Amino acid sequence: MPLTNLLCGLLETGVNQLHQLDSSAVSKRKQLNGTIIAASLKELNFPLYFIISDQQVDVLNKFEGEPDCTIKVSMQALNKLQDNRQLTQLIKSGELEVDGDIQLVQKFAMLLTDMQIDWEEHLSKKVGDVIAHNLCQHAKTAFETTQSQYKRVEKQSALYLTEEIKLAPSALEVAHFSDRVSSLASDADLLLNKINNKLEKQLNNLSHTKALADKNDKN
């Protein structure tokens, strides 16, 4: 079995099984009913076709026809697709390429990632209320700790790049540089205006001198 077929099968099964646990999945699929979206990661560069219906999401590696929307996104930008405010910036930065309705991108991202699943309730049916509650609390704590550690490492990395090895400018340095550029541009405009004024005066003087000379020649 080709790798893409295996990937499609795993992705399709995983998404639809999670949707069975997601109380909001049916309404989200209805919003995209009949929609075909071609999506690919920039790092992999081969499309997968998501065919969305009321009942489920089918994932194919080939599709004869034109999709309603084509999306190419970098892996690091996946978690930003739900936020309308970031879509324009992602497109400008090249992390996201869209051929089609940008609103479909957000709805599609929410369909795949914004799942409202009550894990504790589903686990309680398998292992009981107490164990399910403890497992979910431990998972929540672990997730929050991981997020906190990630943010701390990200902040420390930024400080190391800007303050220690000076590989990247700090925010203050960028602001100062921008101010200096603006000031330089303003000074250049003033200088250009002065040069233009002087040239204009000299041209006027030359014209006046020439007119007098022509008048004297005629006399």
Protein backbone atom coordinates (compact mmCIF):
# COMPACT_ATOMS: atom_id res chain seq x y z
CA MET A 1 0.00 0.00 0.00
CA PRO A 2 1.46 3.39 -0.99
CA LEU A 3 2.35 5.72 1.85
CA THR A 4 -0.21 8.34 0.77
CA ASN A 5 -3.03 5.75 0.82
CA LEU A 6 -2.00 4.69 4.33
CA LEU A 7 -1.88 8.32 5.45
CA CYS A 8 -5.34 9.01 3.99
CA GLY A 9 -6.79 5.96 5.71
CA LEU A 10 -5.31 6.80 9.10
CA LEU A 11 -6.33 10.45 8.86
CA GLU A 12 -9.87 9.66 7.71
CA THR A 13 -10.39 7.07 10.45
CA GLY A 14 -8.94 9.31 13.14
CA VAL A 15 -10.97 12.39 12.19
CA ASN A 16 -14.28 10.51 11.94
CA GLN A 17 -13.74 8.64 15.19
CA LEU A 18 -13.00 11.91 17.00
CA HIS A 19 -16.08 13.46 15.39
CA GLN A 20 -18.18 10.72 16.96
CA LEU A 21 -17.08 12.07 20.35
CA ASP A 22 -17.39 15.73 19.36
CA SER A 23 -20.78 17.27 20.14
CA SER A 24 -20.20 20.11 17.65
CA ALA A 25 -18.98 18.02 14.69
CA VAL A 26 -22.37 17.56 12.99
CA SER A 27 -23.11 21.30 12.81
CA LYS A 28 -19.58 22.02 11.54
CA ARG A 29 -19.88 19.40 8.80
CA LYS A 30 -23.25 20.84 7.76
CA GLN A 31 -21.60 24.23 7.23
CA LEU A 32 -19.18 22.56 4.81
CA ASN A 33 -21.54 19.95 3.35
CA GLY A 34 -20.52 19.12 -0.23
CA THR A 35 -17.26 21.04 0.03
CA ILE A 36 -14.04 19.60 -1.39
CA ILE A 37 -10.81 21.01 -0.03
CA ALA A 38 -7.31 20.23 -1.28
CA ALA A 39 -4.81 20.70 1.54
CA SER A 40 -1.07 20.16 1.66
CA LEU A 41 1.83 20.92 3.95
CA LYS A 42 4.60 23.00 2.40
CA GLU A 43 7.12 20.60 3.94
CA LEU A 44 5.58 17.57 2.14
CA ASN A 45 4.16 19.22 -0.99
CA PHE A 46 1.53 16.67 -2.00
CA PRO A 47 -2.19 17.38 -1.62
CA LEU A 48 -4.83 15.45 0.24
CA TYR A 49 -8.45 15.94 -0.75
CA PHE A 50 -11.03 16.30 2.01
CA ILE A 51 -14.59 15.57 0.84
CA ILE A 52 -16.97 16.77 3.54
CA SER A 53 -20.57 15.63 3.93
CA ASP A 54 -23.19 15.64 6.67
CA GLN A 55 -22.18 12.12 7.66
CA GLN A 56 -18.40 12.09 7.60
CA VAL A 57 -15.12 13.33 6.14
CA ASP A 58 -13.53 11.32 3.34
CA VAL A 59 -9.81 11.74 2.65
CA LEU A 60 -8.36 10.92 -0.77
CA ASN A 61 -4.93 11.32 -2.32
CA LYS A 62 -6.39 11.78 -5.82
CA PHE A 63 -9.45 13.62 -7.06
CA GLU A 64 -10.75 14.16 -10.58
CA GLY A 65 -12.11 17.68 -10.72
CA GLU A 66 -11.62 21.10 -9.19
CA PRO A 67 -11.68 21.50 -5.39
CA ASP A 68 -13.65 24.37 -3.86
CA CYS A 69 -10.54 25.59 -2.07
CA THR A 70 -6.83 24.80 -2.22
CA ILE A 71 -4.66 25.33 0.84
CA LYS A 72 -0.89 25.14 1.27
CA VAL A 73 0.32 25.77 4.79
CA SER A 74 3.56 25.38 6.71
CA MET A 75 3.52 22.95 9.61
CA GLN A 76 4.30 25.63 12.20
CA ALA A 77 1.27 27.70 11.12
CA LEU A 78 -1.33 24.94 11.50
CA ASN A 79 -2.46 26.01 14.97
CA LYS A 80 -2.98 29.61 13.79
CA LEU A 81 -5.53 28.85 11.07
CA GLN A 82 -8.54 29.10 13.38
CA ASP A 83 -7.80 32.74 14.18
CA ASN A 84 -9.25 35.05 11.52
CA ARG A 85 -6.96 37.83 12.72
CA GLN A 86 -3.85 35.86 11.78
CA LEU A 87 -4.86 34.60 8.33
CA THR A 88 -3.87 37.78 6.48
CA GLN A 89 -0.50 37.87 8.24
CA LEU A 90 0.12 34.18 7.44
CA ILE A 91 -0.58 34.84 3.78
CA LYS A 92 1.72 37.88 3.74
CA SER A 93 4.51 35.90 5.40
CA GLY A 94 4.17 33.06 2.90
CA GLU A 95 3.26 30.50 5.55
CA LEU A 96 -0.21 30.12 4.02
CA GLU A 97 -1.32 30.03 0.38
CA VAL A 98 -5.03 29.98 -0.42
CA ASP A 99 -6.81 29.60 -3.74
CA GLY A 100 -10.49 30.08 -2.89
CA ASP A 101 -12.68 31.50 -0.15
CA ILE A 102 -10.60 32.39 2.93
CA GLN A 103 -13.64 31.70 5.15
CA LEU A 104 -13.56 28.06 4.07
CA VAL A 105 -10.04 27.83 5.43
CA GLN A 106 -11.11 28.85 8.92
CA LYS A 107 -14.19 26.59 8.93
CA PHE A 108 -12.08 23.69 7.70
CA ALA A 109 -9.43 24.31 10.36
CA MET A 110 -12.08 24.41 13.08
CA LEU A 111 -13.63 21.19 11.77
CA LEU A 112 -10.31 19.35 12.15
CA THR A 113 -8.88 20.94 15.29
CA ASP A 114 -11.53 22.69 17.38
CA MET A 115 -13.28 19.61 18.77
CA GLN A 116 -15.51 19.87 21.81
CA ILE A 117 -14.93 16.49 23.43
CA ASP A 118 -15.77 15.76 27.05
CA TRP A 119 -13.00 13.24 27.62
CA GLU A 120 -13.88 12.75 31.26
CA GLU A 121 -17.44 11.74 30.42
CA HIS A 122 -16.33 9.28 27.74
CA LEU A 123 -13.61 7.80 29.96
CA SER A 124 -15.99 7.41 32.88
CA LYS A 125 -18.03 4.93 30.83
CA LYS A 126 -14.91 2.78 30.49
CA VAL A 127 -13.09 3.12 33.82
CA GLY A 128 -15.51 4.82 36.22
CA ASP A 129 -15.97 8.40 37.37
CA VAL A 130 -13.14 8.61 39.92
CA ILE A 131 -10.40 7.18 37.69
CA ALA A 132 -11.61 9.20 34.71
CA HIS A 133 -11.56 12.41 36.76
CA ASN A 134 -8.03 11.72 38.04
CA LEU A 135 -6.73 10.86 34.57
CA CYS A 136 -8.17 14.04 33.06
CA GLN A 137 -6.77 16.20 35.86
CA HIS A 138 -3.31 14.68 35.40
CA ALA A 139 -3.54 15.17 31.62
CA LYS A 140 -4.64 18.79 32.07
CA THR A 141 -1.77 19.49 34.48
CA ALA A 142 0.74 17.85 32.14
CA PHE A 143 -0.57 19.87 29.18
CA GLU A 144 -0.42 23.17 31.08
CA THR A 145 3.10 22.36 32.30
CA THR A 146 4.21 21.56 28.76
CA GLN A 147 2.74 24.81 27.46
CA SER A 148 4.41 26.79 30.23
CA GLN A 149 7.78 25.14 29.56
CA TYR A 150 7.43 25.77 25.82
CA LYS A 151 6.70 29.47 26.36
CA ARG A 152 9.62 29.75 28.77
CA VAL A 153 12.02 28.08 26.32
CA GLU A 154 10.69 30.28 23.50
CA LYS A 155 11.24 33.42 25.59
CA GLN A 156 14.73 32.32 26.68
CA SER A 157 15.64 31.51 23.07
CA ALA A 158 14.53 34.96 21.95
CA LEU A 159 16.55 36.60 24.74
CA TYR A 160 19.60 34.49 23.87
CA LEU A 161 19.40 35.47 20.20
CA THR A 162 18.91 39.18 20.89
CA GLU A 163 20.92 39.78 24.07
CA GLU A 164 23.64 37.13 24.26
CA ILE A 165 24.89 36.38 20.76
CA LYS A 166 23.25 39.41 19.09
CA LEU A 167 22.05 37.26 16.21
CA ALA A 168 18.75 39.14 16.08
CA PRO A 169 17.93 42.72 17.09
CA SER A 170 15.85 43.39 20.19
CA ALA A 171 12.49 45.12 19.98
CA LEU A 172 14.07 48.32 21.36
CA GLU A 173 16.82 48.20 18.77
CA VAL A 174 14.29 47.68 15.98
CA ALA A 175 12.22 50.64 17.23
CA HIS A 176 15.34 52.82 17.49
CA PHE A 177 16.45 51.82 14.00
CA SER A 178 12.98 52.61 12.61
CA ASP A 179 13.08 56.03 14.27
CA ARG A 180 16.51 56.74 12.78
CA VAL A 181 15.34 55.65 9.33
CA SER A 182 12.29 57.93 9.60
CA SER A 183 14.48 60.81 10.77
CA LEU A 184 16.94 60.23 7.94
CA ALA A 185 14.11 60.13 5.40
CA SER A 186 12.76 63.42 6.79
CA ASP A 187 16.21 65.05 6.61
CA ALA A 188 16.63 63.80 3.05
CA ASP A 189 13.29 65.36 2.07
CA LEU A 190 14.28 68.70 3.60
CA LEU A 191 17.64 68.64 1.82
CA LEU A 192 15.97 67.77 -1.48
CA ASN A 193 13.51 70.65 -1.06
CA LYS A 194 16.37 73.09 -0.36
CA ILE A 195 18.27 71.89 -3.45
CA ASN A 196 15.15 72.23 -5.59
CA ASN A 197 14.51 75.75 -4.26
CA LYS A 198 18.09 76.82 -4.97
CA LEU A 199 18.00 75.34 -8.45
CA GLU A 200 14.70 77.06 -9.12
CA LYS A 201 16.14 80.43 -8.00
CA GLN A 202 19.26 79.94 -10.12
CA LEU A 203 17.15 79.06 -13.16
CA ASN A 204 15.00 82.15 -12.58
CA ASN A 205 18.13 84.31 -12.28
CA LEU A 206 19.57 82.82 -15.46
CA SER A 207 16.33 83.41 -17.30
CA HIS A 208 16.21 87.00 -16.07
CA THR A 209 19.85 87.60 -17.04
CA LYS A 210 19.31 86.11 -20.49
CA ALA A 211 16.21 88.29 -20.99
CA LEU A 212 18.22 91.43 -20.12
CA ALA A 213 21.04 90.39 -22.41
CA ASP A 214 18.65 89.80 -25.30
CA LYS A 215 17.06 93.21 -24.66
CA ASN A 216 20.49 94.93 -24.70
CA ASP A 217 21.45 93.18 -27.92
CA LYS A 218 18.30 94.46 -29.60
CA ASN A 219 19.00 98.00 -28.42
